[in-house]
Amino acid sequence: MTRESMKERVRPMEQATVYRSNIRNGTGVLSRPDGSLAWFHMSSVAQSDVLTLQQGDVVDAEIENIPQGEYASRAASVRRHAQ
């Protein structure tokens, strides 16, 4: 994969909201500012946030435009938004 194709797949960090999180299966869903949903795996969550992330939390996420299951995109990196 070339650097140019990587740039097309990964967007800059954006704020999103935790729509759903399931620690048992290690996955969750983010609600993006445009209303679309992005899937994430707990392995993409900052280590300090894995056990504390809850529905409604604002996060900074790096979203890949790659489908994951029923979702049009997935998060490559998720961390709690520093206010």
N, C-alpha and C. Protein backbone atom coordinates (compact mmCIF):
# COMPACT_ATOMS: atom_id res chain seq x y z
N MET A 1 0.85 -1.18 0.00
CA MET A 1 0.00 0.00 0.00
C MET A 1 0.89 1.24 0.00
N THR A 2 0.58 2.18 -0.86
CA THR A 2 1.38 3.40 -0.96
C THR A 2 0.96 4.42 0.09
N ARG A 3 1.81 5.40 0.31
CA ARG A 3 1.47 6.46 1.26
C ARG A 3 0.24 7.24 0.80
N GLU A 4 0.13 7.44 -0.49
CA GLU A 4 -1.03 8.17 -1.01
C GLU A 4 -2.33 7.43 -0.72
N SER A 5 -2.34 6.11 -0.90
CA SER A 5 -3.57 5.36 -0.63
C SER A 5 -3.86 5.34 0.86
N MET A 6 -2.81 5.35 1.73
CA MET A 6 -3.03 5.43 3.17
C MET A 6 -3.66 6.76 3.55
N LYS A 7 -3.23 7.84 2.92
CA LYS A 7 -3.79 9.16 3.21
C LYS A 7 -5.28 9.21 2.87
N GLU A 8 -5.66 8.52 1.82
CA GLU A 8 -7.07 8.49 1.43
C GLU A 8 -7.91 7.70 2.42
N ARG A 9 -7.33 6.69 3.06
CA ARG A 9 -8.07 5.83 3.97
C ARG A 9 -8.22 6.43 5.36
N VAL A 10 -7.21 7.17 5.83
CA VAL A 10 -7.21 7.67 7.20
C VAL A 10 -7.44 9.18 7.20
N ARG A 11 -8.37 9.59 8.00
CA ARG A 11 -8.67 11.00 8.15
C ARG A 11 -7.97 11.55 9.37
N PRO A 12 -7.85 12.87 9.46
CA PRO A 12 -7.29 13.46 10.68
C PRO A 12 -8.20 13.15 11.87
N MET A 13 -7.68 13.34 13.06
CA MET A 13 -8.47 13.12 14.28
C MET A 13 -9.75 13.95 14.22
N GLU A 14 -10.82 13.36 14.65
CA GLU A 14 -12.09 14.08 14.73
C GLU A 14 -12.77 13.74 16.05
N GLN A 15 -13.59 14.65 16.52
CA GLN A 15 -14.34 14.37 17.74
C GLN A 15 -15.53 13.50 17.39
N ALA A 16 -15.80 12.56 18.25
CA ALA A 16 -16.95 11.67 18.09
C ALA A 16 -17.49 11.37 19.48
N THR A 17 -18.63 10.73 19.52
CA THR A 17 -19.26 10.37 20.79
C THR A 17 -19.43 8.86 20.85
N VAL A 18 -19.15 8.28 22.02
CA VAL A 18 -19.36 6.84 22.18
C VAL A 18 -20.87 6.59 22.12
N TYR A 19 -21.29 5.88 21.10
CA TYR A 19 -22.70 5.56 20.90
C TYR A 19 -23.05 4.28 21.65
N ARG A 20 -22.11 3.33 21.60
CA ARG A 20 -22.31 2.05 22.27
C ARG A 20 -20.93 1.44 22.53
N SER A 21 -20.80 0.77 23.67
CA SER A 21 -19.55 0.11 24.01
C SER A 21 -19.88 -1.19 24.72
N ASN A 22 -19.22 -2.27 24.30
CA ASN A 22 -19.46 -3.57 24.90
C ASN A 22 -18.11 -4.18 25.29
N ILE A 23 -17.75 -4.03 26.55
CA ILE A 23 -16.46 -4.50 27.03
C ILE A 23 -16.34 -6.02 26.91
N ARG A 24 -17.45 -6.74 27.01
CA ARG A 24 -17.42 -8.21 26.92
C ARG A 24 -16.92 -8.70 25.57
N ASN A 25 -17.42 -8.09 24.49
CA ASN A 25 -16.95 -8.54 23.18
C ASN A 25 -15.85 -7.64 22.63
N GLY A 26 -15.48 -6.61 23.39
CA GLY A 26 -14.35 -5.77 23.02
C GLY A 26 -14.57 -4.84 21.86
N THR A 27 -15.81 -4.47 21.61
CA THR A 27 -16.12 -3.57 20.49
C THR A 27 -17.03 -2.44 20.93
N GLY A 28 -17.16 -1.48 20.04
CA GLY A 28 -18.07 -0.38 20.29
C GLY A 28 -18.36 0.36 19.01
N VAL A 29 -19.19 1.39 19.13
CA VAL A 29 -19.59 2.19 17.99
C VAL A 29 -19.50 3.66 18.37
N LEU A 30 -18.98 4.46 17.46
CA LEU A 30 -18.89 5.90 17.65
C LEU A 30 -19.89 6.60 16.76
N SER A 31 -20.45 7.68 17.25
CA SER A 31 -21.32 8.54 16.45
C SER A 31 -20.46 9.71 16.01
N ARG A 32 -20.37 9.90 14.70
CA ARG A 32 -19.54 10.96 14.12
C ARG A 32 -20.35 12.25 14.00
N PRO A 33 -19.67 13.39 13.84
CA PRO A 33 -20.38 14.68 13.73
C PRO A 33 -21.40 14.73 12.59
N ASP A 34 -21.15 13.97 11.51
CA ASP A 34 -22.10 13.97 10.39
C ASP A 34 -23.26 13.00 10.60
N GLY A 35 -23.29 12.33 11.77
CA GLY A 35 -24.38 11.41 12.09
C GLY A 35 -24.09 9.96 11.72
N SER A 36 -23.03 9.72 10.97
CA SER A 36 -22.71 8.34 10.60
C SER A 36 -22.07 7.63 11.79
N LEU A 37 -22.04 6.32 11.72
CA LEU A 37 -21.49 5.51 12.81
C LEU A 37 -20.21 4.84 12.36
N ALA A 38 -19.27 4.72 13.29
CA ALA A 38 -17.99 4.05 13.01
C ALA A 38 -17.74 3.00 14.08
N TRP A 39 -17.37 1.81 13.66
CA TRP A 39 -17.07 0.69 14.55
C TRP A 39 -15.69 0.88 15.15
N PHE A 40 -15.47 0.38 16.36
CA PHE A 40 -14.11 0.35 16.91
C PHE A 40 -13.92 -0.90 17.75
N HIS A 41 -12.68 -1.33 17.84
CA HIS A 41 -12.29 -2.45 18.69
C HIS A 41 -11.54 -1.87 19.87
N MET A 42 -11.65 -2.48 21.03
CA MET A 42 -11.00 -1.98 22.23
C MET A 42 -9.48 -1.89 22.08
N SER A 43 -8.91 -2.67 21.19
CA SER A 43 -7.47 -2.59 20.98
C SER A 43 -7.05 -1.26 20.36
N SER A 44 -8.01 -0.52 19.79
CA SER A 44 -7.70 0.79 19.21
C SER A 44 -7.89 1.92 20.22
N VAL A 45 -8.37 1.59 21.42
CA VAL A 45 -8.63 2.59 22.46
C VAL A 45 -7.37 2.78 23.29
N ALA A 46 -7.08 4.03 23.65
CA ALA A 46 -5.93 4.32 24.51
C ALA A 46 -6.03 3.48 25.77
N GLN A 47 -4.92 2.89 26.18
CA GLN A 47 -4.91 1.97 27.31
C GLN A 47 -5.55 2.55 28.56
N SER A 48 -5.33 3.82 28.82
CA SER A 48 -5.89 4.44 30.02
C SER A 48 -7.40 4.62 29.96
N ASP A 49 -7.99 4.48 28.78
CA ASP A 49 -9.43 4.70 28.61
C ASP A 49 -10.24 3.42 28.42
N VAL A 50 -9.59 2.29 28.22
CA VAL A 50 -10.29 1.05 27.87
C VAL A 50 -11.40 0.70 28.86
N LEU A 51 -11.12 0.71 30.13
CA LEU A 51 -12.10 0.27 31.13
C LEU A 51 -13.05 1.37 31.58
N THR A 52 -12.80 2.60 31.20
CA THR A 52 -13.63 3.71 31.68
C THR A 52 -14.52 4.33 30.62
N LEU A 53 -14.33 3.97 29.37
CA LEU A 53 -15.12 4.55 28.29
C LEU A 53 -16.58 4.16 28.42
N GLN A 54 -17.47 5.16 28.35
CA GLN A 54 -18.91 4.91 28.51
C GLN A 54 -19.69 5.61 27.42
N GLN A 55 -20.92 5.15 27.25
CA GLN A 55 -21.82 5.77 26.30
C GLN A 55 -21.94 7.25 26.61
N GLY A 56 -21.84 8.09 25.58
CA GLY A 56 -21.96 9.53 25.74
C GLY A 56 -20.63 10.25 25.91
N ASP A 57 -19.54 9.51 26.16
CA ASP A 57 -18.23 10.14 26.29
C ASP A 57 -17.78 10.72 24.96
N VAL A 58 -17.16 11.90 25.01
CA VAL A 58 -16.60 12.52 23.81
C VAL A 58 -15.17 12.01 23.67
N VAL A 59 -14.82 11.60 22.46
CA VAL A 59 -13.49 11.05 22.19
C VAL A 59 -12.89 11.71 20.95
N ASP A 60 -11.59 11.59 20.83
CA ASP A 60 -10.90 11.96 19.60
C ASP A 60 -10.61 10.65 18.88
N ALA A 61 -10.96 10.57 17.62
CA ALA A 61 -10.82 9.31 16.89
C ALA A 61 -10.21 9.55 15.52
N GLU A 62 -9.37 8.62 15.12
CA GLU A 62 -8.83 8.60 13.78
C GLU A 62 -9.63 7.54 13.03
N ILE A 63 -10.41 7.97 12.05
CA ILE A 63 -11.35 7.10 11.36
C ILE A 63 -10.80 6.67 10.00
N GLU A 64 -10.85 5.36 9.75
CA GLU A 64 -10.49 4.82 8.45
C GLU A 64 -11.77 4.62 7.64
N ASN A 65 -11.72 4.99 6.39
CA ASN A 65 -12.87 4.80 5.51
C ASN A 65 -12.87 3.40 4.94
N ILE A 66 -12.91 2.43 5.84
CA ILE A 66 -12.92 1.02 5.49
C ILE A 66 -14.14 0.39 6.16
N PRO A 67 -15.00 -0.27 5.42
CA PRO A 67 -16.17 -0.89 6.03
C PRO A 67 -15.80 -1.95 7.06
N GLN A 68 -16.61 -2.04 8.10
CA GLN A 68 -16.44 -3.06 9.14
C GLN A 68 -17.84 -3.56 9.48
N GLY A 69 -18.16 -4.74 9.02
CA GLY A 69 -19.51 -5.26 9.25
C GLY A 69 -20.55 -4.36 8.61
N GLU A 70 -21.52 -3.95 9.39
CA GLU A 70 -22.59 -3.10 8.88
C GLU A 70 -22.23 -1.62 8.84
N TYR A 71 -21.02 -1.26 9.29
CA TYR A 71 -20.61 0.13 9.38
C TYR A 71 -19.71 0.51 8.21
N ALA A 72 -19.84 1.75 7.73
CA ALA A 72 -19.08 2.21 6.57
C ALA A 72 -17.63 2.55 6.91
N SER A 73 -17.32 2.67 8.20
CA SER A 73 -15.97 3.04 8.59
C SER A 73 -15.63 2.43 9.95
N ARG A 74 -14.34 2.50 10.27
CA ARG A 74 -13.90 1.99 11.57
C ARG A 74 -12.83 2.92 12.13
N ALA A 75 -12.71 2.91 13.45
CA ALA A 75 -11.72 3.77 14.11
C ALA A 75 -10.41 3.02 14.27
N ALA A 76 -9.34 3.67 13.87
CA ALA A 76 -8.00 3.12 14.03
C ALA A 76 -7.39 3.51 15.37
N SER A 77 -7.89 4.60 15.92
CA SER A 77 -7.38 5.12 17.19
C SER A 77 -8.50 5.87 17.90
N VAL A 78 -8.66 5.60 19.19
CA VAL A 78 -9.70 6.27 20.00
C VAL A 78 -9.09 6.65 21.33
N ARG A 79 -9.30 7.89 21.74
CA ARG A 79 -8.87 8.33 23.08
C ARG A 79 -9.85 9.38 23.60
N ARG A 80 -10.00 9.40 24.90
CA ARG A 80 -10.90 10.37 25.53
C ARG A 80 -10.46 11.78 25.14
N HIS A 81 -11.43 12.61 24.81
CA HIS A 81 -11.15 14.00 24.42
C HIS A 81 -10.69 14.79 25.63
N ALA A 82 -9.54 15.44 25.49
CA ALA A 82 -9.01 16.28 26.57
C ALA A 82 -9.66 17.66 26.47
N GLN A 83 -10.33 18.05 27.51
CA GLN A 83 -11.04 19.34 27.47
C GLN A 83 -10.27 20.42 28.14
